[in-house]
Amino acid sequence: MTTSRVTSPQRGNAAREWRALVLGAAAFAIALGELPLAAARPQSAAKLLGYADAQTFMLGLINADRKKAGLRAVVLDDAASKAGLEHARDMAGKGFTGHLGSDGSTPEQRYTQSGGSDFVQENAACLFDTIERRLDPKPRFDAGKLAALHAMFMAEVAPNDGHRRNILNPLHNRVGVGLAQPLELAQPCLSQEFVDDYGEYDPLPREAKPGTVLHVAGTITPPLAFGGVGLGKTPLPEPLTRERLNGKTYRIPAPDTLYFPAGFKTPKPVQVEGHHFSIELELGGKAGPGSYAVTIWAKKPGSPELFMISLRTVTVR
């Protein structure tokens, strides 16, 4: 997985140069490994955890590895945990592992629908047999099996180490943990939803009609500075067939258009006062229905690199 970054624009550069940079840098992919079910068999003295304790246990595993790498700890994020629970239950109930839900939803769509407003990147592990199972309504999770799933992520080797790099991404400061388990099979299914929280943003509607004008505004957390606003469109999600449930890769949608402050080459200037920004953007129009990704980009002091700190989706029908 690569972090979504671009180089800061020079005044007067062509917009098409920006688009090429963003399309090349904004995508990431996570290759899914095989779940080591045989290595996660029940043990006679298995330590079983309730849901809240299992979340705390997983958070401890994540932060232990981040500490070893010299990185700050992440804290539990409620919205991301809600989105992660939804996805873990979906995977456990239908026996698959992937970043697209069985309804075709993406991680950012689930995070937005759960009330999230920042940037999220997902790790996922479950089953691969696509057998539908009933969910355990009161699951208790084997700590050893949870540790094995996390260890599987951390054991990845470059270049196929997307999960490991996600865990050790220095930009992440929050995480959601979602867990579920089939009733007939004591195998935990896990979703780790890593979040970059670097601002406060005015709310956006989750659904809108074509032609709706969005007020995109917020305040970037110092010492970061505002970089730009992106708007992109992808097709509306559609339910996946059983054969397509196990997904190998997933890419964050790149913006079709980027908007920058006055003085830069931009289709419309973003109003910026200190760390606050605002712009009015129209949804749909000739582009028609779809899932629209509204992205916020920031940069560190003295650095030309922009990176995404917010990705919210608005459904237009």
C-alpha atoms as a PDB file:
ATOM      1  CA  MET A   1       0.000   0.000   0.000  1.00  0.00           C
ATOM      2  CA  THR A   2       1.315   3.459  -0.807  1.00  0.00           C
ATOM      3  CA  THR A   3       0.199   6.615   0.979  1.00  0.00           C
ATOM      4  CA  SER A   4      -1.717   9.037  -1.218  1.00  0.00           C
ATOM      5  CA  ARG A   5       0.703  11.886  -1.937  1.00  0.00           C
ATOM      6  CA  VAL A   6       1.436  14.382  -4.694  1.00  0.00           C
ATOM      7  CA  THR A   7       3.981  17.168  -5.098  1.00  0.00           C
ATOM      8  CA  SER A   8       2.816  20.694  -4.319  1.00  0.00           C
ATOM      9  CA  PRO A   9       1.985  22.728  -7.461  1.00  0.00           C
ATOM     10  CA  GLN A  10       4.102  25.523  -8.840  1.00  0.00           C
ATOM     11  CA  ARG A  11       2.203  28.665  -9.685  1.00  0.00           C
ATOM     12  CA  GLY A  12       0.990  28.546 -13.280  1.00  0.00           C
ATOM     13  CA  ASN A  13       1.617  24.819 -13.893  1.00  0.00           C
ATOM     14  CA  ALA A  14      -0.813  23.062 -16.248  1.00  0.00           C
ATOM     15  CA  ALA A  15      -3.769  21.350 -14.572  1.00  0.00           C
ATOM     16  CA  ARG A  16      -3.151  18.190 -16.602  1.00  0.00           C
ATOM     17  CA  GLU A  17       0.265  17.811 -14.927  1.00  0.00           C
ATOM     18  CA  TRP A  18      -1.503  17.788 -11.559  1.00  0.00           C
ATOM     19  CA  ARG A  19      -4.010  15.220 -12.709  1.00  0.00           C
ATOM     20  CA  ALA A  20      -1.245  12.889 -13.908  1.00  0.00           C
ATOM     21  CA  LEU A  21       0.570  13.171 -10.583  1.00  0.00           C
ATOM     22  CA  VAL A  22      -2.542  12.494  -8.530  1.00  0.00           C
ATOM     23  CA  LEU A  23      -3.732   9.558 -10.585  1.00  0.00           C
ATOM     24  CA  GLY A  24      -0.302   8.002 -10.253  1.00  0.00           C
ATOM     25  CA  ALA A  25       0.117   8.625  -6.530  1.00  0.00           C
ATOM     26  CA  ALA A  26      -3.357   8.492  -5.013  1.00  0.00           C
ATOM     27  CA  ALA A  27      -3.958   4.779  -5.613  1.00  0.00           C
ATOM     28  CA  PHE A  28      -3.010   2.059  -3.167  1.00  0.00           C
ATOM     29  CA  ALA A  29      -3.464  -1.694  -3.181  1.00  0.00           C
ATOM     30  CA  ILE A  30      -3.354  -4.329  -0.481  1.00  0.00           C
ATOM     31  CA  ALA A  31      -2.625  -7.907  -1.526  1.00  0.00           C
ATOM     32  CA  LEU A  32      -4.499 -10.401   0.611  1.00  0.00           C
ATOM     33  CA  GLY A  33      -2.630 -13.351   2.064  1.00  0.00           C
ATOM     34  CA  GLU A  34      -4.041 -16.767   2.817  1.00  0.00           C
ATOM     35  CA  LEU A  35      -5.586 -17.057   6.274  1.00  0.00           C
ATOM     36  CA  PRO A  36      -3.606 -19.615   8.347  1.00  0.00           C
ATOM     37  CA  LEU A  37      -6.570 -21.554   9.694  1.00  0.00           C
ATOM     38  CA  ALA A  38      -4.506 -24.626  10.503  1.00  0.00           C
ATOM     39  CA  ALA A  39      -2.186 -22.547  12.679  1.00  0.00           C
ATOM     40  CA  ALA A  40      -5.138 -21.092  14.575  1.00  0.00           C
ATOM     41  CA  ARG A  41      -6.728 -24.279  15.935  1.00  0.00           C
ATOM     42  CA  PRO A  42      -8.347 -24.119  19.381  1.00  0.00           C
ATOM     43  CA  GLN A  43      -6.010 -24.777  22.279  1.00  0.00           C
ATOM     44  CA  SER A  44      -6.953 -26.393  25.553  1.00  0.00           C
ATOM     45  CA  ALA A  45      -6.038 -23.285  27.548  1.00  0.00           C
ATOM     46  CA  ALA A  46      -7.242 -20.710  25.061  1.00  0.00           C
ATOM     47  CA  LYS A  47      -7.777 -17.232  26.470  1.00  0.00           C
ATOM     48  CA  LEU A  48     -11.232 -16.089  25.387  1.00  0.00           C
ATOM     49  CA  LEU A  49     -12.096 -12.398  25.191  1.00  0.00           C
ATOM     50  CA  GLY A  50     -15.378 -10.522  25.010  1.00  0.00           C
ATOM     51  CA  TYR A  51     -15.794  -7.927  22.270  1.00  0.00           C
ATOM     52  CA  ALA A  52     -14.466  -4.843  24.089  1.00  0.00           C
ATOM     53  CA  ASP A  53     -11.523  -6.768  25.543  1.00  0.00           C
ATOM     54  CA  ALA A  54     -10.733  -8.233  22.119  1.00  0.00           C
ATOM     55  CA  GLN A  55     -10.655  -4.716  20.629  1.00  0.00           C
ATOM     56  CA  THR A  56      -8.313  -3.569  23.394  1.00  0.00           C
ATOM     57  CA  PHE A  57      -6.125  -6.641  22.867  1.00  0.00           C
ATOM     58  CA  MET A  58      -5.820  -5.928  19.135  1.00  0.00           C
ATOM     59  CA  LEU A  59      -5.084  -2.255  19.821  1.00  0.00           C
ATOM     60  CA  GLY A  60      -2.258  -3.377  22.109  1.00  0.00           C
ATOM     61  CA  LEU A  61      -0.777  -5.603  19.396  1.00  0.00           C
ATOM     62  CA  ILE A  62      -0.874  -2.755  16.881  1.00  0.00           C
ATOM     63  CA  ASN A  63       0.738  -0.263  19.242  1.00  0.00           C
ATOM     64  CA  ALA A  64       3.409  -2.717  20.388  1.00  0.00           C
ATOM     65  CA  ASP A  65       4.606  -3.051  16.785  1.00  0.00           C
ATOM     66  CA  ARG A  66       4.366   0.694  16.193  1.00  0.00           C
ATOM     67  CA  LYS A  67       6.445   1.304  19.335  1.00  0.00           C
ATOM     68  CA  LYS A  68       9.126  -1.106  18.101  1.00  0.00           C
ATOM     69  CA  ALA A  69       9.283   0.934  14.886  1.00  0.00           C
ATOM     70  CA  GLY A  70       9.615   4.202  16.817  1.00  0.00           C
ATOM     71  CA  LEU A  71       6.096   5.368  15.922  1.00  0.00           C
ATOM     72  CA  ARG A  72       3.466   7.014  18.113  1.00  0.00           C
ATOM     73  CA  ALA A  73       0.534   4.959  19.343  1.00  0.00           C
ATOM     74  CA  VAL A  74      -2.863   5.057  17.673  1.00  0.00           C
ATOM     75  CA  VAL A  75      -6.085   5.414  19.684  1.00  0.00           C
ATOM     76  CA  LEU A  76      -9.394   3.663  19.123  1.00  0.00           C
ATOM     77  CA  ASP A  77     -11.782   5.467  16.756  1.00  0.00           C
ATOM     78  CA  ASP A  78     -15.522   4.898  17.252  1.00  0.00           C
ATOM     79  CA  ALA A  79     -16.676   5.617  13.688  1.00  0.00           C
ATOM     80  CA  ALA A  80     -13.935   3.465  12.185  1.00  0.00           C
ATOM     81  CA  SER A  81     -14.711   0.657  14.647  1.00  0.00           C
ATOM     82  CA  LYS A  82     -18.372   0.799  13.648  1.00  0.00           C
ATOM     83  CA  ALA A  83     -17.419   0.539   9.977  1.00  0.00           C
ATOM     84  CA  GLY A  84     -14.977  -2.258  10.777  1.00  0.00           C
ATOM     85  CA  LEU A  85     -17.632  -4.217  12.675  1.00  0.00           C
ATOM     86  CA  GLU A  86     -19.991  -3.959   9.712  1.00  0.00           C
ATOM     87  CA  HIS A  87     -17.333  -5.295   7.360  1.00  0.00           C
ATOM     88  CA  ALA A  88     -16.134  -8.047   9.710  1.00  0.00           C
ATOM     89  CA  ARG A  89     -19.717  -9.295  10.127  1.00  0.00           C
ATOM     90  CA  ASP A  90     -20.229  -9.210   6.369  1.00  0.00           C
ATOM     91  CA  MET A  91     -17.068 -11.257   5.735  1.00  0.00           C
ATOM     92  CA  ALA A  92     -17.798 -13.753   8.522  1.00  0.00           C
ATOM     93  CA  GLY A  93     -21.379 -14.272   7.383  1.00  0.00           C
ATOM     94  CA  LYS A  94     -20.471 -14.871   3.747  1.00  0.00           C
ATOM     95  CA  GLY A  95     -17.048 -16.488   4.130  1.00  0.00           C
ATOM     96  CA  PHE A  96     -14.806 -14.111   2.202  1.00  0.00           C
ATOM     97  CA  THR A  97     -11.893 -11.722   2.580  1.00  0.00           C
ATOM     98  CA  GLY A  98     -11.767  -8.457   0.660  1.00  0.00           C
ATOM     99  CA  HIS A  99     -12.106  -4.697   0.873  1.00  0.00           C
ATOM    100  CA  LEU A 100     -15.337  -4.537  -1.120  1.00  0.00           C
ATOM    101  CA  GLY A 101     -18.378  -5.538   0.895  1.00  0.00           C
ATOM    102  CA  SER A 102     -20.872  -8.069  -0.428  1.00  0.00           C
ATOM    103  CA  ASP A 103     -23.053  -5.073  -1.348  1.00  0.00           C
ATOM    104  CA  GLY A 104     -20.161  -3.547  -3.325  1.00  0.00           C
ATOM    105  CA  SER A 105     -19.389  -0.924  -0.660  1.00  0.00           C
ATOM    106  CA  THR A 106     -15.845   0.420  -0.281  1.00  0.00           C
ATOM    107  CA  PRO A 107     -13.971   1.153   2.988  1.00  0.00           C
ATOM    108  CA  GLU A 108     -14.472   4.918   2.609  1.00  0.00           C
ATOM    109  CA  GLN A 109     -18.195   4.482   1.933  1.00  0.00           C
ATOM    110  CA  ARG A 110     -18.640   2.355   5.060  1.00  0.00           C
ATOM    111  CA  TYR A 111     -16.556   4.810   7.099  1.00  0.00           C
ATOM    112  CA  THR A 112     -18.556   7.792   5.830  1.00  0.00           C
ATOM    113  CA  GLN A 113     -21.855   6.046   6.548  1.00  0.00           C
ATOM    114  CA  SER A 114     -20.593   5.316  10.074  1.00  0.00           C
ATOM    115  CA  GLY A 115     -20.019   9.022  10.701  1.00  0.00           C
ATOM    116  CA  GLY A 116     -16.314   9.265   9.833  1.00  0.00           C
ATOM    117  CA  SER A 117     -14.879  12.387   8.219  1.00  0.00           C
ATOM    118  CA  ASP A 118     -11.139  11.651   7.970  1.00  0.00           C
ATOM    119  CA  PHE A 119      -9.013   9.375   5.765  1.00  0.00           C
ATOM    120  CA  VAL A 120      -9.236   5.617   6.326  1.00  0.00           C
ATOM    121  CA  GLN A 121      -7.136   2.673   5.095  1.00  0.00           C
ATOM    122  CA  GLU A 122      -8.210  -0.894   5.777  1.00  0.00           C
ATOM    123  CA  ASN A 123      -6.628  -4.253   6.629  1.00  0.00           C
ATOM    124  CA  ALA A 124      -8.944  -7.254   6.452  1.00  0.00           C
ATOM    125  CA  ALA A 125      -8.702 -10.981   7.161  1.00  0.00           C
ATOM    126  CA  CYS A 126     -11.390 -13.649   7.295  1.00  0.00           C
ATOM    127  CA  LEU A 127     -12.304 -16.783   5.331  1.00  0.00           C
ATOM    128  CA  PHE A 128     -12.067 -17.662   1.627  1.00  0.00           C
ATOM    129  CA  ASP A 129     -14.580 -20.493   1.137  1.00  0.00           C
ATOM    130  CA  THR A 130     -17.609 -18.207   0.443  1.00  0.00           C
ATOM    131  CA  ILE A 131     -19.801 -20.452   2.593  1.00  0.00           C
ATOM    132  CA  GLU A 132     -22.663 -18.574   4.248  1.00  0.00           C
ATOM    133  CA  ARG A 133     -22.800 -19.043   8.000  1.00  0.00           C
ATOM    134  CA  ARG A 134     -24.800 -17.719  10.918  1.00  0.00           C
ATOM    135  CA  LEU A 135     -22.973 -15.201  13.082  1.00  0.00           C
ATOM    136  CA  ASP A 136     -22.275 -15.833  16.740  1.00  0.00           C
ATOM    137  CA  PRO A 137     -24.469 -13.230  18.513  1.00  0.00           C
ATOM    138  CA  LYS A 138     -22.211 -13.209  21.601  1.00  0.00           C
ATOM    139  CA  PRO A 139     -18.765 -14.122  20.289  1.00  0.00           C
ATOM    140  CA  ARG A 140     -15.786 -14.740  22.525  1.00  0.00           C
ATOM    141  CA  PHE A 141     -12.516 -14.452  20.692  1.00  0.00           C
ATOM    142  CA  ASP A 142      -9.442 -16.635  21.095  1.00  0.00           C
ATOM    143  CA  ALA A 143      -6.576 -14.241  21.902  1.00  0.00           C
ATOM    144  CA  GLY A 144      -4.096 -16.598  20.231  1.00  0.00           C
ATOM    145  CA  LYS A 145      -6.026 -16.547  16.967  1.00  0.00           C
ATOM    146  CA  LEU A 146      -6.310 -12.767  17.036  1.00  0.00           C
ATOM    147  CA  ALA A 147      -2.557 -12.548  17.598  1.00  0.00           C
ATOM    148  CA  ALA A 148      -2.003 -14.959  14.697  1.00  0.00           C
ATOM    149  CA  LEU A 149      -3.995 -12.743  12.315  1.00  0.00           C
ATOM    150  CA  HIS A 150      -2.028  -9.653  13.303  1.00  0.00           C
ATOM    151  CA  ALA A 151       1.245 -11.600  13.102  1.00  0.00           C
ATOM    152  CA  MET A 152       0.292 -12.682   9.577  1.00  0.00           C
ATOM    153  CA  PHE A 153       0.037  -9.014   8.565  1.00  0.00           C
ATOM    154  CA  MET A 154       3.360  -8.166  10.197  1.00  0.00           C
ATOM    155  CA  ALA A 155       5.159 -11.135   8.621  1.00  0.00           C
ATOM    156  CA  GLU A 156       4.590  -9.824   5.087  1.00  0.00           C
ATOM    157  CA  VAL A 157       7.680  -9.180   2.968  1.00  0.00           C
ATOM    158  CA  ALA A 158       8.159  -6.347   0.486  1.00  0.00           C
ATOM    159  CA  PRO A 159       6.857  -5.673  -2.078  1.00  0.00           C
ATOM    160  CA  ASN A 160       3.772  -7.643  -0.970  1.00  0.00           C
ATOM    161  CA  ASP A 161       3.611  -6.051   2.481  1.00  0.00           C
ATOM    162  CA  GLY A 162       0.621  -3.713   2.208  1.00  0.00           C
ATOM    163  CA  HIS A 163      -0.926  -4.752   5.548  1.00  0.00           C
ATOM    164  CA  ARG A 164       2.368  -4.375   7.405  1.00  0.00           C
ATOM    165  CA  ARG A 165       3.032  -0.938   5.921  1.00  0.00           C
ATOM    166  CA  ASN A 166      -0.481   0.117   6.853  1.00  0.00           C
ATOM    167  CA  ILE A 167       0.115  -0.850  10.495  1.00  0.00           C
ATOM    168  CA  LEU A 168       3.432   1.038  10.491  1.00  0.00           C
ATOM    169  CA  ASN A 169       2.286   4.129   8.599  1.00  0.00           C
ATOM    170  CA  PRO A 170       3.574   7.122  10.619  1.00  0.00           C
ATOM    171  CA  LEU A 171       0.657   9.316   9.480  1.00  0.00           C
ATOM    172  CA  HIS A 172      -1.956   7.150  11.193  1.00  0.00           C
ATOM    173  CA  ASN A 173      -3.091   8.384  14.611  1.00  0.00           C
ATOM    174  CA  ARG A 174      -6.367   6.476  15.129  1.00  0.00           C
ATOM    175  CA  VAL A 175      -7.678   2.990  14.335  1.00  0.00           C
ATOM    176  CA  GLY A 176     -10.973   1.159  14.237  1.00  0.00           C
ATOM    177  CA  VAL A 177     -11.113  -2.522  15.162  1.00  0.00           C
ATOM    178  CA  GLY A 178     -13.998  -4.655  13.914  1.00  0.00           C
ATOM    179  CA  LEU A 179     -14.428  -8.329  14.860  1.00  0.00           C
ATOM    180  CA  ALA A 180     -16.944 -11.050  14.087  1.00  0.00           C
ATOM    181  CA  GLN A 181     -17.137 -14.835  14.262  1.00  0.00           C
ATOM    182  CA  PRO A 182     -19.341 -17.493  12.645  1.00  0.00           C
ATOM    183  CA  LEU A 183     -21.483 -19.530  15.016  1.00  0.00           C
ATOM    184  CA  GLU A 184     -20.356 -22.882  13.582  1.00  0.00           C
ATOM    185  CA  LEU A 185     -16.656 -22.025  13.254  1.00  0.00           C
ATOM    186  CA  ALA A 186     -14.565 -20.425  16.003  1.00  0.00           C
ATOM    187  CA  GLN A 187     -12.468 -18.403  13.580  1.00  0.00           C
ATOM    188  CA  PRO A 188     -12.320 -14.624  14.163  1.00  0.00           C
ATOM    189  CA  CYS A 189     -12.723 -12.275  11.243  1.00  0.00           C
ATOM    190  CA  LEU A 190     -10.841  -8.993  11.567  1.00  0.00           C
ATOM    191  CA  SER A 191     -11.003  -5.509  10.113  1.00  0.00           C
ATOM    192  CA  GLN A 192      -8.400  -2.881  11.049  1.00  0.00           C
ATOM    193  CA  GLU A 193      -9.445   0.608   9.913  1.00  0.00           C
ATOM    194  CA  PHE A 194      -6.507   3.040  10.197  1.00  0.00           C
ATOM    195  CA  VAL A 195      -7.428   6.723  10.331  1.00  0.00           C
ATOM    196  CA  ASP A 196      -5.534   9.969   9.683  1.00  0.00           C
ATOM    197  CA  ASP A 197      -7.230  12.627  11.820  1.00  0.00           C
ATOM    198  CA  TYR A 198      -5.776  16.067  11.016  1.00  0.00           C
ATOM    199  CA  GLY A 199      -8.726  18.426  10.824  1.00  0.00           C
ATOM    200  CA  GLU A 200     -12.307  19.359  11.586  1.00  0.00           C
ATOM    201  CA  TYR A 201     -14.730  19.570   8.660  1.00  0.00           C
ATOM    202  CA  ASP A 202     -18.196  20.971   8.084  1.00  0.00           C
ATOM    203  CA  PRO A 203     -20.694  18.120   7.581  1.00  0.00           C
ATOM    204  CA  LEU A 204     -21.619  16.896   4.110  1.00  0.00           C
ATOM    205  CA  PRO A 205     -24.859  15.130   3.128  1.00  0.00           C
ATOM    206  CA  ARG A 206     -24.470  11.390   2.713  1.00  0.00           C
ATOM    207  CA  GLU A 207     -26.961  11.429  -0.167  1.00  0.00           C
ATOM    208  CA  ALA A 208     -27.832  14.212  -2.591  1.00  0.00           C
ATOM    209  CA  LYS A 209     -29.600  14.880  -5.873  1.00  0.00           C
ATOM    210  CA  PRO A 210     -27.793  15.754  -9.120  1.00  0.00           C
ATOM    211  CA  GLY A 211     -26.893  19.429  -9.194  1.00  0.00           C
ATOM    212  CA  THR A 212     -26.598  19.776  -5.411  1.00  0.00           C
ATOM    213  CA  VAL A 213     -24.014  22.381  -4.397  1.00  0.00           C
ATOM    214  CA  LEU A 214     -21.751  21.228  -1.577  1.00  0.00           C
ATOM    215  CA  HIS A 215     -20.184  23.596   0.915  1.00  0.00           C
ATOM    216  CA  VAL A 216     -16.803  21.957   1.499  1.00  0.00           C
ATOM    217  CA  ALA A 217     -15.073  23.646   4.425  1.00  0.00           C
ATOM    218  CA  GLY A 218     -13.005  22.936   7.490  1.00  0.00           C
ATOM    219  CA  THR A 219      -9.956  23.717   9.553  1.00  0.00           C
ATOM    220  CA  ILE A 220      -6.629  21.902   9.230  1.00  0.00           C
ATOM    221  CA  THR A 221      -4.858  20.978  12.465  1.00  0.00           C
ATOM    222  CA  PRO A 222      -1.535  22.864  12.859  1.00  0.00           C
ATOM    223  CA  PRO A 223       1.281  22.480  12.067  1.00  0.00           C
ATOM    224  CA  LEU A 224      -0.174  21.025   8.848  1.00  0.00           C
ATOM    225  CA  ALA A 225      -1.298  23.486   6.188  1.00  0.00           C
ATOM    226  CA  PHE A 226      -4.121  23.281   3.645  1.00  0.00           C
ATOM    227  CA  GLY A 227      -3.185  21.840   0.271  1.00  0.00           C
ATOM    228  CA  GLY A 228      -6.272  21.303  -1.877  1.00  0.00           C
ATOM    229  CA  VAL A 229      -9.757  19.848  -2.345  1.00  0.00           C
ATOM    230  CA  GLY A 230     -10.483  16.970  -4.706  1.00  0.00           C
ATOM    231  CA  LEU A 231     -13.710  15.722  -6.270  1.00  0.00           C
ATOM    232  CA  GLY A 232     -14.046  12.412  -8.074  1.00  0.00           C
ATOM    233  CA  LYS A 233     -16.789  10.057  -9.169  1.00  0.00           C
ATOM    234  CA  THR A 234     -17.061   6.273  -9.185  1.00  0.00           C
ATOM    235  CA  PRO A 235     -20.047   4.066 -10.117  1.00  0.00           C
ATOM    236  CA  LEU A 236     -22.661   3.329  -7.493  1.00  0.00           C
ATOM    237  CA  PRO A 237     -21.868   0.095  -5.617  1.00  0.00           C
ATOM    238  CA  GLU A 238     -23.555  -3.091  -6.783  1.00  0.00           C
ATOM    239  CA  PRO A 239     -23.861  -6.427  -4.940  1.00  0.00           C
ATOM    240  CA  LEU A 240     -21.044  -8.857  -5.716  1.00  0.00           C
ATOM    241  CA  THR A 241     -21.559 -12.403  -6.929  1.00  0.00           C
ATOM    242  CA  ARG A 242     -20.185 -15.222  -4.790  1.00  0.00           C
ATOM    243  CA  GLU A 243     -17.317 -15.689  -7.272  1.00  0.00           C
ATOM    244  CA  ARG A 244     -16.222 -12.053  -6.871  1.00  0.00           C
ATOM    245  CA  LEU A 245     -16.336 -11.818  -3.078  1.00  0.00           C
ATOM    246  CA  ASN A 246     -12.663 -12.601  -2.493  1.00  0.00           C
ATOM    247  CA  GLY A 247     -10.926  -9.468  -3.720  1.00  0.00           C
ATOM    248  CA  LYS A 248      -7.165  -9.310  -4.243  1.00  0.00           C
ATOM    249  CA  THR A 249      -6.639  -5.552  -4.482  1.00  0.00           C
ATOM    250  CA  TYR A 250      -8.450  -2.297  -3.875  1.00  0.00           C
ATOM    251  CA  ARG A 251      -7.603   1.232  -4.987  1.00  0.00           C
ATOM    252  CA  ILE A 252      -8.601   4.507  -3.365  1.00  0.00           C
ATOM    253  CA  PRO A 253     -10.499   6.595  -5.945  1.00  0.00           C
ATOM    254  CA  ALA A 254      -8.345   9.373  -7.389  1.00  0.00           C
ATOM    255  CA  PRO A 255      -9.948  12.811  -7.783  1.00  0.00           C
ATOM    256  CA  ASP A 256     -11.115  13.781 -11.253  1.00  0.00           C
ATOM    257  CA  THR A 257     -10.524  17.447 -10.394  1.00  0.00           C
ATOM    258  CA  LEU A 258      -8.323  19.194  -7.840  1.00  0.00           C
ATOM    259  CA  TYR A 259      -8.974  22.693  -6.524  1.00  0.00           C
ATOM    260  CA  PHE A 260      -6.239  24.909  -5.061  1.00  0.00           C
ATOM    261  CA  PRO A 261      -5.998  28.364  -3.489  1.00  0.00           C
ATOM    262  CA  ALA A 262      -5.841  31.511  -5.626  1.00  0.00           C
ATOM    263  CA  GLY A 263      -2.486  31.941  -7.353  1.00  0.00           C
ATOM    264  CA  PHE A 264      -2.250  28.333  -8.493  1.00  0.00           C
ATOM    265  CA  LYS A 265      -3.593  26.780 -11.688  1.00  0.00           C
ATOM    266  CA  THR A 266      -7.092  25.707 -10.580  1.00  0.00           C
ATOM    267  CA  PRO A 267     -10.551  25.449 -12.152  1.00  0.00           C
ATOM    268  CA  LYS A 268     -11.929  27.355  -9.157  1.00  0.00           C
ATOM    269  CA  PRO A 269      -9.966  28.858  -6.227  1.00  0.00           C
ATOM    270  CA  VAL A 270     -10.398  27.589  -2.681  1.00  0.00           C
ATOM    271  CA  GLN A 271     -10.844  30.356  -0.128  1.00  0.00           C
ATOM    272  CA  VAL A 272      -8.151  30.034   2.550  1.00  0.00           C
ATOM    273  CA  GLU A 273      -7.783  32.078   5.745  1.00  0.00           C
ATOM    274  CA  GLY A 274      -5.050  30.737   7.980  1.00  0.00           C
ATOM    275  CA  HIS A 275      -5.849  27.063   8.514  1.00  0.00           C
ATOM    276  CA  HIS A 276      -9.502  27.414   7.462  1.00  0.00           C
ATOM    277  CA  PHE A 277     -10.642  26.650   3.903  1.00  0.00           C
ATOM    278  CA  SER A 278     -13.939  26.680   1.994  1.00  0.00           C
ATOM    279  CA  ILE A 279     -15.257  26.128  -1.530  1.00  0.00           C
ATOM    280  CA  GLU A 280     -18.646  25.507  -3.168  1.00  0.00           C
ATOM    281  CA  LEU A 281     -18.740  22.476  -5.501  1.00  0.00           C
ATOM    282  CA  GLU A 282     -21.598  21.146  -7.631  1.00  0.00           C
ATOM    283  CA  LEU A 283     -22.375  17.436  -7.655  1.00  0.00           C
ATOM    284  CA  GLY A 284     -23.643  15.484 -10.591  1.00  0.00           C
ATOM    285  CA  GLY A 285     -24.817  17.745 -13.379  1.00  0.00           C
ATOM    286  CA  LYS A 286     -23.716  16.250 -16.685  1.00  0.00           C
ATOM    287  CA  ALA A 287     -21.643  13.655 -14.825  1.00  0.00           C
ATOM    288  CA  GLY A 288     -24.856  12.080 -13.499  1.00  0.00           C
ATOM    289  CA  PRO A 289     -25.448   9.649 -10.632  1.00  0.00           C
ATOM    290  CA  GLY A 290     -22.582   7.983  -8.820  1.00  0.00           C
ATOM    291  CA  SER A 291     -20.576   7.878  -5.620  1.00  0.00           C
ATOM    292  CA  TYR A 292     -18.685  11.158  -5.313  1.00  0.00           C
ATOM    293  CA  ALA A 293     -15.471  11.233  -3.271  1.00  0.00           C
ATOM    294  CA  VAL A 294     -14.708  14.575  -1.621  1.00  0.00           C
ATOM    295  CA  THR A 295     -11.053  14.664  -0.557  1.00  0.00           C
ATOM    296  CA  ILE A 296      -9.018  17.124   1.504  1.00  0.00           C
ATOM    297  CA  TRP A 297      -5.249  17.395   1.025  1.00  0.00           C
ATOM    298  CA  ALA A 298      -2.651  18.884   3.374  1.00  0.00           C
ATOM    299  CA  LYS A 299       1.098  19.392   3.589  1.00  0.00           C
ATOM    300  CA  LYS A 300       3.757  19.629   6.288  1.00  0.00           C
ATOM    301  CA  PRO A 301       5.609  22.919   6.911  1.00  0.00           C
ATOM    302  CA  GLY A 302       8.425  23.394   4.416  1.00  0.00           C
ATOM    303  CA  SER A 303       7.420  20.360   2.331  1.00  0.00           C
ATOM    304  CA  PRO A 304       5.947  20.447  -1.196  1.00  0.00           C
ATOM    305  CA  GLU A 305       4.267  17.035  -0.791  1.00  0.00           C
ATOM    306  CA  LEU A 306       0.503  16.911  -0.444  1.00  0.00           C
ATOM    307  CA  PHE A 307      -1.231  13.967   1.213  1.00  0.00           C
ATOM    308  CA  MET A 308      -4.864  13.073   1.696  1.00  0.00           C
ATOM    309  CA  ILE A 309      -6.293  13.625   5.196  1.00  0.00           C
ATOM    310  CA  SER A 310     -10.027  13.313   4.498  1.00  0.00           C
ATOM    311  CA  LEU A 311     -12.124  11.230   2.115  1.00  0.00           C
ATOM    312  CA  ARG A 312     -15.909  11.339   2.384  1.00  0.00           C
ATOM    313  CA  THR A 313     -18.422   9.940  -0.063  1.00  0.00           C
ATOM    314  CA  VAL A 314     -21.739  11.437  -1.207  1.00  0.00           C
ATOM    315  CA  THR A 315     -24.203   9.207  -3.064  1.00  0.00           C
ATOM    316  CA  VAL A 316     -25.967  10.881  -5.982  1.00  0.00           C
ATOM    317  CA  ARG A 317     -28.914   9.035  -7.536  1.00  0.00           C
END
